[in-house]
Amino acid sequence: MNFPDLERITIDPRVMGGKPCIRGIRITVGAITGLLASGESIDAVLEFYPSLEREDIYAALAYATWRAEEYDLPLKAG
């Protein structure tokens, strides 16, 4: 089994407000996962965004899954 290459996910505060993107091309992980969650197929997403590669979609899913398992802890003052 090949694990998706998470290096395809970039986070840059100057690109899409720092949201996780695919290879810095201004397509967010959220846009991809949102389309898939609404019932679009991987092939349809690839048609919507011709600059994407199938591996980008797998990386977006892997990243979203990883983040869903994480949780943020509040910082304590002082």
C-alpha atoms as a PDB file:
ATOM      1  CA  MET A   1       0.000   0.000   0.000  1.00  0.00           C
ATOM      2  CA  ASN A   2       1.338   3.411  -0.935  1.00  0.00           C
ATOM      3  CA  PHE A   3       0.835   6.103   1.671  1.00  0.00           C
ATOM      4  CA  PRO A   4      -0.008   9.532   0.205  1.00  0.00           C
ATOM      5  CA  ASP A   5       2.840  11.996   0.036  1.00  0.00           C
ATOM      6  CA  LEU A   6       1.957  14.648   2.616  1.00  0.00           C
ATOM      7  CA  GLU A   7       4.702  16.863   1.194  1.00  0.00           C
ATOM      8  CA  ARG A   8       2.074  17.750  -1.417  1.00  0.00           C
ATOM      9  CA  ILE A   9       0.283  19.733   1.317  1.00  0.00           C
ATOM     10  CA  THR A  10       1.641  23.228   1.793  1.00  0.00           C
ATOM     11  CA  ILE A  11       0.791  25.856   4.375  1.00  0.00           C
ATOM     12  CA  ASP A  12       1.865  29.403   3.608  1.00  0.00           C
ATOM     13  CA  PRO A  13       0.296  32.431   5.311  1.00  0.00           C
ATOM     14  CA  ARG A  14       0.552  34.300   1.988  1.00  0.00           C
ATOM     15  CA  VAL A  15      -1.488  31.678   0.105  1.00  0.00           C
ATOM     16  CA  MET A  16      -5.206  31.291   0.843  1.00  0.00           C
ATOM     17  CA  GLY A  17      -4.768  32.825   4.288  1.00  0.00           C
ATOM     18  CA  GLY A  18      -2.564  29.985   5.474  1.00  0.00           C
ATOM     19  CA  LYS A  19      -5.082  27.235   4.818  1.00  0.00           C
ATOM     20  CA  PRO A  20      -3.584  23.880   3.829  1.00  0.00           C
ATOM     21  CA  CYS A  21      -3.260  23.804   0.039  1.00  0.00           C
ATOM     22  CA  ILE A  22      -2.152  21.371  -2.588  1.00  0.00           C
ATOM     23  CA  ARG A  23       1.374  22.125  -3.780  1.00  0.00           C
ATOM     24  CA  GLY A  24       0.805  25.842  -3.191  1.00  0.00           C
ATOM     25  CA  ILE A  25      -1.577  26.127  -6.148  1.00  0.00           C
ATOM     26  CA  ARG A  26      -4.414  27.812  -4.228  1.00  0.00           C
ATOM     27  CA  ILE A  27      -6.625  24.735  -4.079  1.00  0.00           C
ATOM     28  CA  THR A  28      -7.343  23.997  -0.435  1.00  0.00           C
ATOM     29  CA  VAL A  29      -7.618  20.656   1.291  1.00  0.00           C
ATOM     30  CA  GLY A  30     -11.045  21.848   2.453  1.00  0.00           C
ATOM     31  CA  ALA A  31     -12.221  22.453  -1.101  1.00  0.00           C
ATOM     32  CA  ILE A  32     -11.249  18.934  -2.105  1.00  0.00           C
ATOM     33  CA  THR A  33     -12.663  17.190   0.950  1.00  0.00           C
ATOM     34  CA  GLY A  34     -15.814  19.295   0.754  1.00  0.00           C
ATOM     35  CA  LEU A  35     -16.471  18.193  -2.812  1.00  0.00           C
ATOM     36  CA  LEU A  36     -15.870  14.552  -1.930  1.00  0.00           C
ATOM     37  CA  ALA A  37     -18.078  14.817   1.164  1.00  0.00           C
ATOM     38  CA  SER A  38     -20.885  16.264  -0.946  1.00  0.00           C
ATOM     39  CA  GLY A  39     -20.807  13.181  -3.148  1.00  0.00           C
ATOM     40  CA  GLU A  40     -18.516  14.180  -5.993  1.00  0.00           C
ATOM     41  CA  SER A  41     -16.238  11.445  -7.291  1.00  0.00           C
ATOM     42  CA  ILE A  42     -12.476  11.720  -7.450  1.00  0.00           C
ATOM     43  CA  ASP A  43     -12.737  11.842 -11.232  1.00  0.00           C
ATOM     44  CA  ALA A  44     -15.203  14.747 -11.002  1.00  0.00           C
ATOM     45  CA  VAL A  45     -12.851  16.671  -8.686  1.00  0.00           C
ATOM     46  CA  LEU A  46     -10.032  16.102 -11.176  1.00  0.00           C
ATOM     47  CA  GLU A  47     -12.270  17.514 -13.911  1.00  0.00           C
ATOM     48  CA  PHE A  48     -13.156  20.571 -11.768  1.00  0.00           C
ATOM     49  CA  TYR A  49      -9.461  21.216 -11.071  1.00  0.00           C
ATOM     50  CA  PRO A  50      -7.361  20.086 -14.065  1.00  0.00           C
ATOM     51  CA  SER A  51      -4.131  21.092 -12.300  1.00  0.00           C
ATOM     52  CA  LEU A  52      -4.735  18.446  -9.624  1.00  0.00           C
ATOM     53  CA  GLU A  53      -3.331  14.950  -9.747  1.00  0.00           C
ATOM     54  CA  ARG A  54      -4.994  11.888  -8.232  1.00  0.00           C
ATOM     55  CA  GLU A  55      -2.176  11.707  -5.660  1.00  0.00           C
ATOM     56  CA  ASP A  56      -3.075  15.261  -4.551  1.00  0.00           C
ATOM     57  CA  ILE A  57      -6.565  14.092  -3.639  1.00  0.00           C
ATOM     58  CA  TYR A  58      -5.221  11.138  -1.680  1.00  0.00           C
ATOM     59  CA  ALA A  59      -2.821  13.474   0.124  1.00  0.00           C
ATOM     60  CA  ALA A  60      -5.697  15.850   0.960  1.00  0.00           C
ATOM     61  CA  LEU A  61      -7.710  12.967   2.407  1.00  0.00           C
ATOM     62  CA  ALA A  62      -4.743  11.715   4.415  1.00  0.00           C
ATOM     63  CA  TYR A  63      -4.037  15.205   5.759  1.00  0.00           C
ATOM     64  CA  ALA A  64      -7.680  15.813   6.694  1.00  0.00           C
ATOM     65  CA  THR A  65      -7.840  12.454   8.451  1.00  0.00           C
ATOM     66  CA  TRP A  66      -4.651  13.169  10.367  1.00  0.00           C
ATOM     67  CA  ARG A  67      -5.935  16.598  11.450  1.00  0.00           C
ATOM     68  CA  ALA A  68      -9.265  15.121  12.523  1.00  0.00           C
ATOM     69  CA  GLU A  69      -7.380  12.942  14.997  1.00  0.00           C
ATOM     70  CA  GLU A  70      -5.446  15.880  16.442  1.00  0.00           C
ATOM     71  CA  TYR A  71      -6.752  18.251  19.051  1.00  0.00           C
ATOM     72  CA  ASP A  72      -5.631  21.665  20.167  1.00  0.00           C
ATOM     73  CA  LEU A  73      -4.775  22.431  23.742  1.00  0.00           C
ATOM     74  CA  PRO A  74      -5.398  25.921  25.090  1.00  0.00           C
ATOM     75  CA  LEU A  75      -2.326  27.876  26.098  1.00  0.00           C
ATOM     76  CA  LYS A  76      -2.162  28.954  29.695  1.00  0.00           C
ATOM     77  CA  ALA A  77      -1.140  32.524  30.427  1.00  0.00           C
ATOM     78  CA  GLY A  78       1.917  33.166  32.462  1.00  0.00           C
END
